[in-house]
Amino acid sequence: MDLSLTGEQNELLSWADTVLPVEFALDRFNGIEGALQETALDKLAELGWYGMAVPERAGGSGMSVLEEMLLMKEAGKYLASPSLLATVVAVHDAVGNGDNALAQELMACSKRASLAIASDKALLALDADEADLLVAFGLNAVTLQSTDGLARLGGAGTPLDDSLSLMRYGIDPENARAHAADTRLWMRAHILLAASQVGLGEAATDMAVEYAKIREQFGSPIGAFQAIKHKCADMALHLTAARSQLMYAAAAFNERLPEAEYRTLCAGALAETASMRAAFDNVQVHGGIGFTSECHAQRFVKRATVLQAAGNVNKRYREQLLAGAPEPNLSSAA
């Protein structure tokens, strides 16, 4: 299996690098509460982002989950709203169920989806003020539910990540569409979630390394000291493992290999760990300023924690992994 990027994929990343810094610059958070930036999400819809891996017959661009994963990873670097991830997953659900009208509305952002965190008594929806669908992740299922008819229980206060809004909805199990049997949708959703986490971790690591080059102590850049140098190296090491496993999982999914589900579990576990470690270590590298609201380092910690809660699966990832791994497809790794 060749995991190197193709020329087209590199061009796609270059295109993303021209769009995301403009639409999702981190400075948008300065003095702003609830930075959903609906106009930025609309811009991505105009560029065909939501239908990137949707078949052409359904109105998409016909690319694969590999390209979709790469773009989601880039969006993770800029802490794009989780609504982006939720809407992409909802589009694939609509296409898979033959609801092309809904898919078109979601791809055009005339309808929106929100990423939700399921609790015992409510769904905590992120950036859901204008949401038409709620998307909740689980270990073996992705659950989608229309907000029509759901009891809106009001705001749940300010979430840890104060750039996001939080709304509480009542749970209606009878009307929820849980796709426990749709392993393909589940795998795609978790691959894209892992991509967001890896992208976040990459940005946090880059931020730490750049700061270590310019911040001086005792007449030298702090990056010259082993305590900082080794911390940055460890961040990069964890991300390299997570990124490689993510690429393998996406390729295995794309080629429908028997081990795809197991690789998705591995990618999710490594991505969550790497993103949390990078986010927290970035704050440590920044020292006292890293804890302040003026520094973007703290925003990576908050968003990594929110994504961890939304996935809510790391412990179960590991439990299922320890239950037994499949025999590796050695021929595919050649």
C-alpha atoms as a PDB file:
ATOM      1  CA  MET A   1       0.000   0.000   0.000  1.00  0.00           C
ATOM      2  CA  ASP A   2       1.472   3.354  -1.080  1.00  0.00           C
ATOM      3  CA  LEU A   3       0.684   6.046   1.505  1.00  0.00           C
ATOM      4  CA  SER A   4       2.576   8.830  -0.233  1.00  0.00           C
ATOM      5  CA  LEU A   5       0.534  11.785  -1.496  1.00  0.00           C
ATOM      6  CA  THR A   6      -0.267  12.073  -5.174  1.00  0.00           C
ATOM      7  CA  GLY A   7       0.287  15.227  -7.198  1.00  0.00           C
ATOM      8  CA  GLU A   8      -3.448  15.942  -7.132  1.00  0.00           C
ATOM      9  CA  GLN A   9      -3.552  15.574  -3.357  1.00  0.00           C
ATOM     10  CA  ASN A  10      -0.630  17.953  -2.940  1.00  0.00           C
ATOM     11  CA  GLU A  11      -2.421  20.453  -5.156  1.00  0.00           C
ATOM     12  CA  LEU A  12      -5.527  20.060  -3.020  1.00  0.00           C
ATOM     13  CA  LEU A  13      -3.513  20.842   0.121  1.00  0.00           C
ATOM     14  CA  SER A  14      -2.005  23.902  -1.558  1.00  0.00           C
ATOM     15  CA  TRP A  15      -5.507  25.078  -2.418  1.00  0.00           C
ATOM     16  CA  ALA A  16      -6.608  24.579   1.187  1.00  0.00           C
ATOM     17  CA  ASP A  17      -3.609  26.606   2.363  1.00  0.00           C
ATOM     18  CA  THR A  18      -4.878  29.562   0.362  1.00  0.00           C
ATOM     19  CA  VAL A  19      -8.448  29.331   1.656  1.00  0.00           C
ATOM     20  CA  LEU A  20      -8.250  28.376   5.325  1.00  0.00           C
ATOM     21  CA  PRO A  21      -5.828  31.078   6.570  1.00  0.00           C
ATOM     22  CA  VAL A  22      -8.210  33.686   5.172  1.00  0.00           C
ATOM     23  CA  GLU A  23     -11.537  32.201   6.217  1.00  0.00           C
ATOM     24  CA  PHE A  24     -10.451  30.665   9.528  1.00  0.00           C
ATOM     25  CA  ALA A  25      -7.504  32.752  10.731  1.00  0.00           C
ATOM     26  CA  LEU A  26      -6.965  32.189  14.460  1.00  0.00           C
ATOM     27  CA  ASP A  27      -7.085  35.941  15.040  1.00  0.00           C
ATOM     28  CA  ARG A  28     -10.837  35.663  14.486  1.00  0.00           C
ATOM     29  CA  PHE A  29     -11.057  34.599  18.131  1.00  0.00           C
ATOM     30  CA  ASN A  30      -9.675  37.875  19.447  1.00  0.00           C
ATOM     31  CA  GLY A  31     -12.454  39.499  21.418  1.00  0.00           C
ATOM     32  CA  ILE A  32     -15.086  37.317  19.751  1.00  0.00           C
ATOM     33  CA  GLU A  33     -17.454  34.988  21.541  1.00  0.00           C
ATOM     34  CA  GLY A  34     -19.188  32.236  19.616  1.00  0.00           C
ATOM     35  CA  ALA A  35     -16.930  32.330  16.543  1.00  0.00           C
ATOM     36  CA  LEU A  36     -19.078  30.019  14.413  1.00  0.00           C
ATOM     37  CA  GLN A  37     -18.413  32.174  11.346  1.00  0.00           C
ATOM     38  CA  GLU A  38     -21.331  30.991   9.280  1.00  0.00           C
ATOM     39  CA  THR A  39     -20.077  33.034   6.351  1.00  0.00           C
ATOM     40  CA  ALA A  40     -16.816  31.054   6.373  1.00  0.00           C
ATOM     41  CA  LEU A  41     -18.709  27.760   6.396  1.00  0.00           C
ATOM     42  CA  ASP A  42     -20.843  29.074   3.538  1.00  0.00           C
ATOM     43  CA  LYS A  43     -17.670  29.891   1.630  1.00  0.00           C
ATOM     44  CA  LEU A  44     -16.501  26.298   1.968  1.00  0.00           C
ATOM     45  CA  ALA A  45     -19.867  25.173   0.613  1.00  0.00           C
ATOM     46  CA  GLU A  46     -19.352  27.384  -2.440  1.00  0.00           C
ATOM     47  CA  LEU A  47     -15.987  25.710  -2.969  1.00  0.00           C
ATOM     48  CA  GLY A  48     -17.561  22.248  -2.874  1.00  0.00           C
ATOM     49  CA  TRP A  49     -15.963  21.196   0.416  1.00  0.00           C
ATOM     50  CA  TYR A  50     -18.949  19.278   1.785  1.00  0.00           C
ATOM     51  CA  GLY A  51     -19.351  17.164  -1.333  1.00  0.00           C
ATOM     52  CA  MET A  52     -15.667  16.505  -1.937  1.00  0.00           C
ATOM     53  CA  ALA A  53     -16.006  12.711  -1.574  1.00  0.00           C
ATOM     54  CA  VAL A  54     -19.625  12.447  -2.708  1.00  0.00           C
ATOM     55  CA  PRO A  55     -20.141  10.621  -6.040  1.00  0.00           C
ATOM     56  CA  GLU A  56     -20.606  12.875  -9.052  1.00  0.00           C
ATOM     57  CA  ARG A  57     -24.009  11.315  -9.733  1.00  0.00           C
ATOM     58  CA  ALA A  58     -25.137  12.738  -6.365  1.00  0.00           C
ATOM     59  CA  GLY A  59     -23.758  16.194  -7.047  1.00  0.00           C
ATOM     60  CA  GLY A  60     -20.326  15.818  -5.481  1.00  0.00           C
ATOM     61  CA  SER A  61     -16.753  15.940  -6.775  1.00  0.00           C
ATOM     62  CA  GLY A  62     -16.252  12.169  -6.757  1.00  0.00           C
ATOM     63  CA  MET A  63     -13.015  12.169  -4.761  1.00  0.00           C
ATOM     64  CA  SER A  64     -12.178   9.594  -2.101  1.00  0.00           C
ATOM     65  CA  VAL A  65     -12.063   9.574   1.680  1.00  0.00           C
ATOM     66  CA  LEU A  66      -8.309  10.178   1.382  1.00  0.00           C
ATOM     67  CA  GLU A  67      -8.810  13.664  -0.053  1.00  0.00           C
ATOM     68  CA  GLU A  68     -11.660  14.307   2.372  1.00  0.00           C
ATOM     69  CA  MET A  69      -9.443  13.276   5.290  1.00  0.00           C
ATOM     70  CA  LEU A  70      -6.604  15.542   4.152  1.00  0.00           C
ATOM     71  CA  LEU A  71      -8.905  18.562   3.955  1.00  0.00           C
ATOM     72  CA  MET A  72     -10.426  17.815   7.355  1.00  0.00           C
ATOM     73  CA  LYS A  73      -6.929  17.616   8.820  1.00  0.00           C
ATOM     74  CA  GLU A  74      -6.110  21.030   7.391  1.00  0.00           C
ATOM     75  CA  ALA A  75      -9.337  22.469   8.814  1.00  0.00           C
ATOM     76  CA  GLY A  76      -8.379  21.048  12.213  1.00  0.00           C
ATOM     77  CA  LYS A  77      -5.263  23.217  12.181  1.00  0.00           C
ATOM     78  CA  TYR A  78      -7.442  26.325  12.153  1.00  0.00           C
ATOM     79  CA  LEU A  79      -9.963  25.102  14.738  1.00  0.00           C
ATOM     80  CA  ALA A  80     -12.829  25.254  12.268  1.00  0.00           C
ATOM     81  CA  SER A  81     -16.250  24.780  13.826  1.00  0.00           C
ATOM     82  CA  PRO A  82     -17.180  21.128  14.554  1.00  0.00           C
ATOM     83  CA  SER A  83     -20.233  21.857  12.401  1.00  0.00           C
ATOM     84  CA  LEU A  84     -17.978  21.274   9.397  1.00  0.00           C
ATOM     85  CA  LEU A  85     -17.271  17.701  10.474  1.00  0.00           C
ATOM     86  CA  ALA A  86     -20.905  17.069  11.401  1.00  0.00           C
ATOM     87  CA  THR A  87     -22.230  18.380   8.090  1.00  0.00           C
ATOM     88  CA  VAL A  88     -19.830  16.262   6.011  1.00  0.00           C
ATOM     89  CA  VAL A  89     -20.928  13.153   7.917  1.00  0.00           C
ATOM     90  CA  ALA A  90     -24.597  14.112   7.489  1.00  0.00           C
ATOM     91  CA  VAL A  91     -24.099  14.526   3.739  1.00  0.00           C
ATOM     92  CA  HIS A  92     -22.750  10.983   3.442  1.00  0.00           C
ATOM     93  CA  ASP A  93     -25.636   9.680   5.533  1.00  0.00           C
ATOM     94  CA  ALA A  94     -28.167  11.407   3.265  1.00  0.00           C
ATOM     95  CA  VAL A  95     -26.495  10.088   0.106  1.00  0.00           C
ATOM     96  CA  GLY A  96     -26.343   6.580   1.562  1.00  0.00           C
ATOM     97  CA  ASN A  97     -30.057   6.703   2.307  1.00  0.00           C
ATOM     98  CA  GLY A  98     -30.943   7.979  -1.142  1.00  0.00           C
ATOM     99  CA  ASP A  99     -32.077  11.364   0.162  1.00  0.00           C
ATOM    100  CA  ASN A 100     -30.378  13.435  -2.516  1.00  0.00           C
ATOM    101  CA  ALA A 101     -32.520  16.492  -1.776  1.00  0.00           C
ATOM    102  CA  LEU A 102     -31.243  16.644   1.810  1.00  0.00           C
ATOM    103  CA  ALA A 103     -27.703  15.984   0.633  1.00  0.00           C
ATOM    104  CA  GLN A 104     -27.900  18.914  -1.764  1.00  0.00           C
ATOM    105  CA  GLU A 105     -29.234  21.211   0.955  1.00  0.00           C
ATOM    106  CA  LEU A 106     -26.443  20.195   3.317  1.00  0.00           C
ATOM    107  CA  MET A 107     -23.745  20.598   0.652  1.00  0.00           C
ATOM    108  CA  ALA A 108     -25.085  24.099  -0.095  1.00  0.00           C
ATOM    109  CA  CYS A 109     -25.291  24.964   3.638  1.00  0.00           C
ATOM    110  CA  SER A 110     -28.978  25.809   3.278  1.00  0.00           C
ATOM    111  CA  LYS A 111     -29.318  23.166   5.990  1.00  0.00           C
ATOM    112  CA  ARG A 112     -26.750  22.626   8.715  1.00  0.00           C
ATOM    113  CA  ALA A 113     -25.667  19.882  11.048  1.00  0.00           C
ATOM    114  CA  SER A 114     -24.216  20.206  14.527  1.00  0.00           C
ATOM    115  CA  LEU A 115     -21.855  17.883  16.364  1.00  0.00           C
ATOM    116  CA  ALA A 116     -23.551  16.725  19.555  1.00  0.00           C
ATOM    117  CA  ILE A 117     -22.300  15.127  22.745  1.00  0.00           C
ATOM    118  CA  ALA A 118     -24.732  12.583  24.148  1.00  0.00           C
ATOM    119  CA  SER A 119     -25.368  12.535  27.879  1.00  0.00           C
ATOM    120  CA  ASP A 120     -27.854  10.477  29.868  1.00  0.00           C
ATOM    121  CA  LYS A 121     -30.634  13.035  29.676  1.00  0.00           C
ATOM    122  CA  ALA A 122     -29.800  15.401  26.831  1.00  0.00           C
ATOM    123  CA  LEU A 123     -27.833  16.081  23.691  1.00  0.00           C
ATOM    124  CA  LEU A 124     -25.307  18.875  24.089  1.00  0.00           C
ATOM    125  CA  ALA A 125     -25.024  20.389  20.617  1.00  0.00           C
ATOM    126  CA  LEU A 126     -22.067  22.540  19.566  1.00  0.00           C
ATOM    127  CA  ASP A 127     -22.753  25.616  17.433  1.00  0.00           C
ATOM    128  CA  ALA A 128     -26.321  24.452  16.971  1.00  0.00           C
ATOM    129  CA  ASP A 129     -28.179  27.782  16.833  1.00  0.00           C
ATOM    130  CA  GLU A 130     -29.105  27.208  13.182  1.00  0.00           C
ATOM    131  CA  ALA A 131     -28.756  23.411  13.092  1.00  0.00           C
ATOM    132  CA  ASP A 132     -31.272  21.184  11.330  1.00  0.00           C
ATOM    133  CA  LEU A 133     -29.564  17.903  12.257  1.00  0.00           C
ATOM    134  CA  LEU A 134     -27.620  16.690  15.273  1.00  0.00           C
ATOM    135  CA  VAL A 135     -24.796  14.187  14.724  1.00  0.00           C
ATOM    136  CA  ALA A 136     -23.516  12.176  17.685  1.00  0.00           C
ATOM    137  CA  PHE A 137     -20.530   9.821  17.570  1.00  0.00           C
ATOM    138  CA  GLY A 138     -20.330   6.443  19.252  1.00  0.00           C
ATOM    139  CA  LEU A 139     -18.001   3.479  19.150  1.00  0.00           C
ATOM    140  CA  ASN A 140     -20.214   1.355  16.919  1.00  0.00           C
ATOM    141  CA  ALA A 141     -22.723   3.835  15.523  1.00  0.00           C
ATOM    142  CA  VAL A 142     -23.272   7.360  14.319  1.00  0.00           C
ATOM    143  CA  THR A 143     -26.630   8.761  15.385  1.00  0.00           C
ATOM    144  CA  LEU A 144     -28.376  11.499  13.409  1.00  0.00           C
ATOM    145  CA  GLN A 145     -31.461  13.281  14.621  1.00  0.00           C
ATOM    146  CA  SER A 146     -33.519  16.133  13.199  1.00  0.00           C
ATOM    147  CA  THR A 147     -33.961  19.111  15.503  1.00  0.00           C
ATOM    148  CA  ASP A 148     -37.595  19.370  14.373  1.00  0.00           C
ATOM    149  CA  GLY A 149     -39.778  18.322  17.259  1.00  0.00           C
ATOM    150  CA  LEU A 150     -36.907  18.007  19.708  1.00  0.00           C
ATOM    151  CA  ALA A 151     -37.394  19.730  23.015  1.00  0.00           C
ATOM    152  CA  ARG A 152     -34.996  22.662  23.142  1.00  0.00           C
ATOM    153  CA  LEU A 153     -33.901  22.812  26.750  1.00  0.00           C
ATOM    154  CA  GLY A 154     -32.028  26.075  26.383  1.00  0.00           C
ATOM    155  CA  GLY A 155     -28.399  26.993  26.616  1.00  0.00           C
ATOM    156  CA  ALA A 156     -26.097  24.898  28.757  1.00  0.00           C
ATOM    157  CA  GLY A 157     -23.907  27.790  29.774  1.00  0.00           C
ATOM    158  CA  THR A 158     -20.539  28.599  28.292  1.00  0.00           C
ATOM    159  CA  PRO A 159     -18.633  25.507  27.171  1.00  0.00           C
ATOM    160  CA  LEU A 160     -14.979  25.005  27.977  1.00  0.00           C
ATOM    161  CA  ASP A 161     -14.212  26.192  24.449  1.00  0.00           C
ATOM    162  CA  ASP A 162     -15.857  29.591  24.577  1.00  0.00           C
ATOM    163  CA  SER A 163     -15.509  30.043  20.819  1.00  0.00           C
ATOM    164  CA  LEU A 164     -18.401  27.583  20.487  1.00  0.00           C
ATOM    165  CA  SER A 165     -22.014  27.883  21.539  1.00  0.00           C
ATOM    166  CA  LEU A 166     -23.717  25.071  23.439  1.00  0.00           C
ATOM    167  CA  MET A 167     -27.388  24.124  23.270  1.00  0.00           C
ATOM    168  CA  ARG A 168     -29.228  21.388  25.151  1.00  0.00           C
ATOM    169  CA  TYR A 169     -31.806  19.240  23.372  1.00  0.00           C
ATOM    170  CA  GLY A 170     -34.000  16.516  24.763  1.00  0.00           C
ATOM    171  CA  ILE A 171     -33.384  12.969  23.558  1.00  0.00           C
ATOM    172  CA  ASP A 172     -35.971  11.293  21.338  1.00  0.00           C
ATOM    173  CA  PRO A 173     -34.741   7.694  20.849  1.00  0.00           C
ATOM    174  CA  GLU A 174     -37.694   6.736  18.654  1.00  0.00           C
ATOM    175  CA  ASN A 175     -36.847   9.338  16.021  1.00  0.00           C
ATOM    176  CA  ALA A 176     -33.071   9.018  16.117  1.00  0.00           C
ATOM    177  CA  ARG A 177     -31.452   7.367  13.131  1.00  0.00           C
ATOM    178  CA  ALA A 178     -28.711   5.161  14.553  1.00  0.00           C
ATOM    179  CA  HIS A 179     -26.617   3.400  11.979  1.00  0.00           C
ATOM    180  CA  ALA A 180     -25.127   0.590  14.007  1.00  0.00           C
ATOM    181  CA  ALA A 181     -25.168  -1.639  10.946  1.00  0.00           C
ATOM    182  CA  ASP A 182     -23.632   0.990   8.662  1.00  0.00           C
ATOM    183  CA  THR A 183     -19.991   0.266   9.418  1.00  0.00           C
ATOM    184  CA  ARG A 184     -18.840   2.366   6.464  1.00  0.00           C
ATOM    185  CA  LEU A 185     -20.474   5.538   7.782  1.00  0.00           C
ATOM    186  CA  TRP A 186     -19.116   4.856  11.261  1.00  0.00           C
ATOM    187  CA  MET A 187     -15.578   4.343   9.969  1.00  0.00           C
ATOM    188  CA  ARG A 188     -15.675   7.444   7.788  1.00  0.00           C
ATOM    189  CA  ALA A 189     -16.953   9.555  10.683  1.00  0.00           C
ATOM    190  CA  HIS A 190     -14.183   8.428  13.009  1.00  0.00           C
ATOM    191  CA  ILE A 191     -11.502   8.805  10.348  1.00  0.00           C
ATOM    192  CA  LEU A 192     -12.597  12.409   9.810  1.00  0.00           C
ATOM    193  CA  LEU A 193     -12.739  13.069  13.551  1.00  0.00           C
ATOM    194  CA  ALA A 194      -9.217  11.679  13.895  1.00  0.00           C
ATOM    195  CA  ALA A 195      -8.111  13.896  11.007  1.00  0.00           C
ATOM    196  CA  SER A 196      -9.414  16.979  12.828  1.00  0.00           C
ATOM    197  CA  GLN A 197      -7.483  15.943  15.922  1.00  0.00           C
ATOM    198  CA  VAL A 198      -4.254  15.277  14.030  1.00  0.00           C
ATOM    199  CA  GLY A 199      -4.521  18.656  12.298  1.00  0.00           C
ATOM    200  CA  LEU A 200      -5.044  20.363  15.639  1.00  0.00           C
ATOM    201  CA  GLY A 201      -2.015  18.573  17.047  1.00  0.00           C
ATOM    202  CA  GLU A 202       0.131  19.559  14.084  1.00  0.00           C
ATOM    203  CA  ALA A 203      -0.770  23.227  14.474  1.00  0.00           C
ATOM    204  CA  ALA A 204      -0.117  23.147  18.222  1.00  0.00           C
ATOM    205  CA  THR A 205       3.269  21.518  17.653  1.00  0.00           C
ATOM    206  CA  ASP A 206       4.229  24.039  14.977  1.00  0.00           C
ATOM    207  CA  MET A 207       3.206  26.846  17.324  1.00  0.00           C
ATOM    208  CA  ALA A 208       5.363  25.428  20.131  1.00  0.00           C
ATOM    209  CA  VAL A 209       8.393  24.988  17.864  1.00  0.00           C
ATOM    210  CA  GLU A 210       8.140  28.516  16.472  1.00  0.00           C
ATOM    211  CA  TYR A 211       7.862  29.987  19.961  1.00  0.00           C
ATOM    212  CA  ALA A 212      10.847  27.935  21.132  1.00  0.00           C
ATOM    213  CA  LYS A 213      12.913  29.564  18.381  1.00  0.00           C
ATOM    214  CA  ILE A 214      12.186  33.171  19.387  1.00  0.00           C
ATOM    215  CA  ARG A 215      11.695  33.065  23.173  1.00  0.00           C
ATOM    216  CA  GLU A 216      14.988  33.523  24.950  1.00  0.00           C
ATOM    217  CA  GLN A 217      16.159  32.677  28.455  1.00  0.00           C
ATOM    218  CA  PHE A 218      19.694  33.077  29.794  1.00  0.00           C
ATOM    219  CA  GLY A 219      20.734  34.549  26.459  1.00  0.00           C
ATOM    220  CA  SER A 220      19.626  31.583  24.321  1.00  0.00           C
ATOM    221  CA  PRO A 221      16.415  30.491  22.577  1.00  0.00           C
ATOM    222  CA  ILE A 222      14.528  28.133  24.883  1.00  0.00           C
ATOM    223  CA  GLY A 223      14.525  25.554  22.099  1.00  0.00           C
ATOM    224  CA  ALA A 224      18.209  25.007  22.803  1.00  0.00           C
ATOM    225  CA  PHE A 225      17.414  23.537  26.222  1.00  0.00           C
ATOM    226  CA  GLN A 226      16.769  19.809  26.486  1.00  0.00           C
ATOM    227  CA  ALA A 227      13.577  20.228  28.519  1.00  0.00           C
ATOM    228  CA  ILE A 228      11.962  22.111  25.617  1.00  0.00           C
ATOM    229  CA  LYS A 229      13.785  20.353  22.784  1.00  0.00           C
ATOM    230  CA  HIS A 230      12.728  16.905  23.980  1.00  0.00           C
ATOM    231  CA  LYS A 231       9.148  18.017  24.620  1.00  0.00           C
ATOM    232  CA  CYS A 232       8.818  19.289  21.042  1.00  0.00           C
ATOM    233  CA  ALA A 233      10.409  16.100  19.722  1.00  0.00           C
ATOM    234  CA  ASP A 234       7.957  13.961  21.690  1.00  0.00           C
ATOM    235  CA  MET A 235       5.034  15.969  20.320  1.00  0.00           C
ATOM    236  CA  ALA A 236       6.276  15.410  16.779  1.00  0.00           C
ATOM    237  CA  LEU A 237       6.864  11.705  17.443  1.00  0.00           C
ATOM    238  CA  HIS A 238       3.313  11.087  18.686  1.00  0.00           C
ATOM    239  CA  LEU A 239       1.881  13.020  15.755  1.00  0.00           C
ATOM    240  CA  THR A 240       3.964  11.094  13.244  1.00  0.00           C
ATOM    241  CA  ALA A 241       2.522   7.829  14.571  1.00  0.00           C
ATOM    242  CA  ALA A 242      -1.023   9.230  14.597  1.00  0.00           C
ATOM    243  CA  ARG A 243      -0.723  10.685  11.099  1.00  0.00           C
ATOM    244  CA  SER A 244       0.689   7.460   9.663  1.00  0.00           C
ATOM    245  CA  GLN A 245      -2.053   5.372  11.228  1.00  0.00           C
ATOM    246  CA  LEU A 246      -4.661   7.841  10.005  1.00  0.00           C
ATOM    247  CA  MET A 247      -3.352   7.583   6.449  1.00  0.00           C
ATOM    248  CA  TYR A 248      -3.341   3.783   6.687  1.00  0.00           C
ATOM    249  CA  ALA A 249      -6.902   3.721   8.059  1.00  0.00           C
ATOM    250  CA  ALA A 250      -8.175   5.988   5.280  1.00  0.00           C
ATOM    251  CA  ALA A 251      -6.428   3.899   2.617  1.00  0.00           C
ATOM    252  CA  ALA A 252      -7.746   0.650   4.117  1.00  0.00           C
ATOM    253  CA  PHE A 253     -11.247   2.144   4.163  1.00  0.00           C
ATOM    254  CA  ASN A 254     -10.907   3.307   0.584  1.00  0.00           C
ATOM    255  CA  GLU A 255      -9.730  -0.114  -0.594  1.00  0.00           C
ATOM    256  CA  ARG A 256     -12.299  -1.945   1.559  1.00  0.00           C
ATOM    257  CA  LEU A 257      -9.675  -4.055   3.304  1.00  0.00           C
ATOM    258  CA  PRO A 258     -10.877  -6.413   6.068  1.00  0.00           C
ATOM    259  CA  GLU A 259      -8.626  -4.652   8.579  1.00  0.00           C
ATOM    260  CA  ALA A 260     -10.135  -1.196   7.920  1.00  0.00           C
ATOM    261  CA  GLU A 261     -12.286  -1.211  11.045  1.00  0.00           C
ATOM    262  CA  TYR A 262      -9.370  -2.149  13.282  1.00  0.00           C
ATOM    263  CA  ARG A 263      -7.154   0.497  11.666  1.00  0.00           C
ATOM    264  CA  THR A 264      -9.852   3.086  12.262  1.00  0.00           C
ATOM    265  CA  LEU A 265      -9.856   2.213  15.962  1.00  0.00           C
ATOM    266  CA  CYS A 266      -6.075   2.553  16.057  1.00  0.00           C
ATOM    267  CA  ALA A 267      -6.198   5.899  14.252  1.00  0.00           C
ATOM    268  CA  GLY A 268      -8.806   7.244  16.665  1.00  0.00           C
ATOM    269  CA  ALA A 269      -6.872   6.232  19.760  1.00  0.00           C
ATOM    270  CA  LEU A 270      -3.554   7.625  18.508  1.00  0.00           C
ATOM    271  CA  ALA A 271      -5.058  10.847  17.158  1.00  0.00           C
ATOM    272  CA  GLU A 272      -6.845  11.685  20.388  1.00  0.00           C
ATOM    273  CA  THR A 273      -3.751  11.038  22.486  1.00  0.00           C
ATOM    274  CA  ALA A 274      -1.465  12.989  20.146  1.00  0.00           C
ATOM    275  CA  SER A 275      -3.775  15.991  19.921  1.00  0.00           C
ATOM    276  CA  MET A 276      -4.257  16.246  23.678  1.00  0.00           C
ATOM    277  CA  ARG A 277      -0.543  15.879  24.325  1.00  0.00           C
ATOM    278  CA  ALA A 278       0.410  18.469  21.709  1.00  0.00           C
ATOM    279  CA  ALA A 279      -2.172  20.957  22.958  1.00  0.00           C
ATOM    280  CA  PHE A 280      -1.099  20.729  26.592  1.00  0.00           C
ATOM    281  CA  ASP A 281       2.627  20.634  25.840  1.00  0.00           C
ATOM    282  CA  ASN A 282       2.246  23.696  23.629  1.00  0.00           C
ATOM    283  CA  VAL A 283       0.960  25.594  26.663  1.00  0.00           C
ATOM    284  CA  GLN A 284       3.907  24.340  28.708  1.00  0.00           C
ATOM    285  CA  VAL A 285       6.403  25.492  26.064  1.00  0.00           C
ATOM    286  CA  HIS A 286       4.803  28.931  26.114  1.00  0.00           C
ATOM    287  CA  GLY A 287       5.168  29.083  29.888  1.00  0.00           C
ATOM    288  CA  GLY A 288       3.046  31.572  31.822  1.00  0.00           C
ATOM    289  CA  ILE A 289       1.703  33.325  28.733  1.00  0.00           C
ATOM    290  CA  GLY A 290       0.363  30.028  27.387  1.00  0.00           C
ATOM    291  CA  PHE A 291      -2.383  29.986  30.017  1.00  0.00           C
ATOM    292  CA  THR A 292      -3.674  33.466  29.171  1.00  0.00           C
ATOM    293  CA  SER A 293      -6.601  34.334  26.930  1.00  0.00           C
ATOM    294  CA  GLU A 294      -4.289  36.529  24.837  1.00  0.00           C
ATOM    295  CA  CYS A 295      -2.369  33.478  23.632  1.00  0.00           C
ATOM    296  CA  HIS A 296      -3.921  31.066  21.145  1.00  0.00           C
ATOM    297  CA  ALA A 297      -2.209  28.106  22.839  1.00  0.00           C
ATOM    298  CA  GLN A 298      -5.052  27.763  25.321  1.00  0.00           C
ATOM    299  CA  ARG A 299      -7.573  27.498  22.479  1.00  0.00           C
ATOM    300  CA  PHE A 300      -5.955  24.315  21.220  1.00  0.00           C
ATOM    301  CA  VAL A 301      -6.331  22.772  24.681  1.00  0.00           C
ATOM    302  CA  LYS A 302      -9.998  23.720  24.818  1.00  0.00           C
ATOM    303  CA  ARG A 303     -10.824  22.451  21.339  1.00  0.00           C
ATOM    304  CA  ALA A 304      -8.864  19.208  21.829  1.00  0.00           C
ATOM    305  CA  THR A 305     -10.858  18.586  25.012  1.00  0.00           C
ATOM    306  CA  VAL A 306     -14.151  19.262  23.226  1.00  0.00           C
ATOM    307  CA  LEU A 307     -13.275  16.862  20.389  1.00  0.00           C
ATOM    308  CA  GLN A 308     -12.268  14.254  22.946  1.00  0.00           C
ATOM    309  CA  ALA A 309     -15.677  14.610  24.610  1.00  0.00           C
ATOM    310  CA  ALA A 310     -17.503  14.534  21.274  1.00  0.00           C
ATOM    311  CA  GLY A 311     -15.717  11.346  20.252  1.00  0.00           C
ATOM    312  CA  ASN A 312     -16.097   9.974  23.771  1.00  0.00           C
ATOM    313  CA  VAL A 313     -14.529   6.748  22.689  1.00  0.00           C
ATOM    314  CA  ASN A 314     -10.858   6.594  23.604  1.00  0.00           C
ATOM    315  CA  LYS A 315     -11.364   4.229  26.533  1.00  0.00           C
ATOM    316  CA  ARG A 316     -13.652   2.063  24.449  1.00  0.00           C
ATOM    317  CA  TYR A 317     -11.243   2.248  21.511  1.00  0.00           C
ATOM    318  CA  ARG A 318      -8.588   0.716  23.695  1.00  0.00           C
ATOM    319  CA  GLU A 319     -10.895  -1.877  25.228  1.00  0.00           C
ATOM    320  CA  GLN A 320     -11.922  -3.075  21.785  1.00  0.00           C
ATOM    321  CA  LEU A 321      -8.339  -3.039  20.525  1.00  0.00           C
ATOM    322  CA  LEU A 322      -7.185  -5.116  23.473  1.00  0.00           C
ATOM    323  CA  ALA A 323      -9.976  -7.601  22.839  1.00  0.00           C
ATOM    324  CA  GLY A 324      -8.005  -8.859  19.882  1.00  0.00           C
ATOM    325  CA  ALA A 325      -6.468  -7.506  16.700  1.00  0.00           C
ATOM    326  CA  PRO A 326      -7.070  -9.057  13.297  1.00  0.00           C
ATOM    327  CA  GLU A 327      -4.282 -10.694  11.395  1.00  0.00           C
ATOM    328  CA  PRO A 328      -2.526  -7.918   9.448  1.00  0.00           C
ATOM    329  CA  ASN A 329      -2.774  -7.912   5.680  1.00  0.00           C
ATOM    330  CA  LEU A 330       0.969  -8.001   5.075  1.00  0.00           C
ATOM    331  CA  SER A 331       0.635  -7.976   1.313  1.00  0.00           C
ATOM    332  CA  SER A 332      -1.138  -4.609   1.448  1.00  0.00           C
ATOM    333  CA  ALA A 333       1.792  -3.018   3.240  1.00  0.00           C
ATOM    334  CA  ALA A 334       4.265  -3.834   0.494  1.00  0.00           C
END
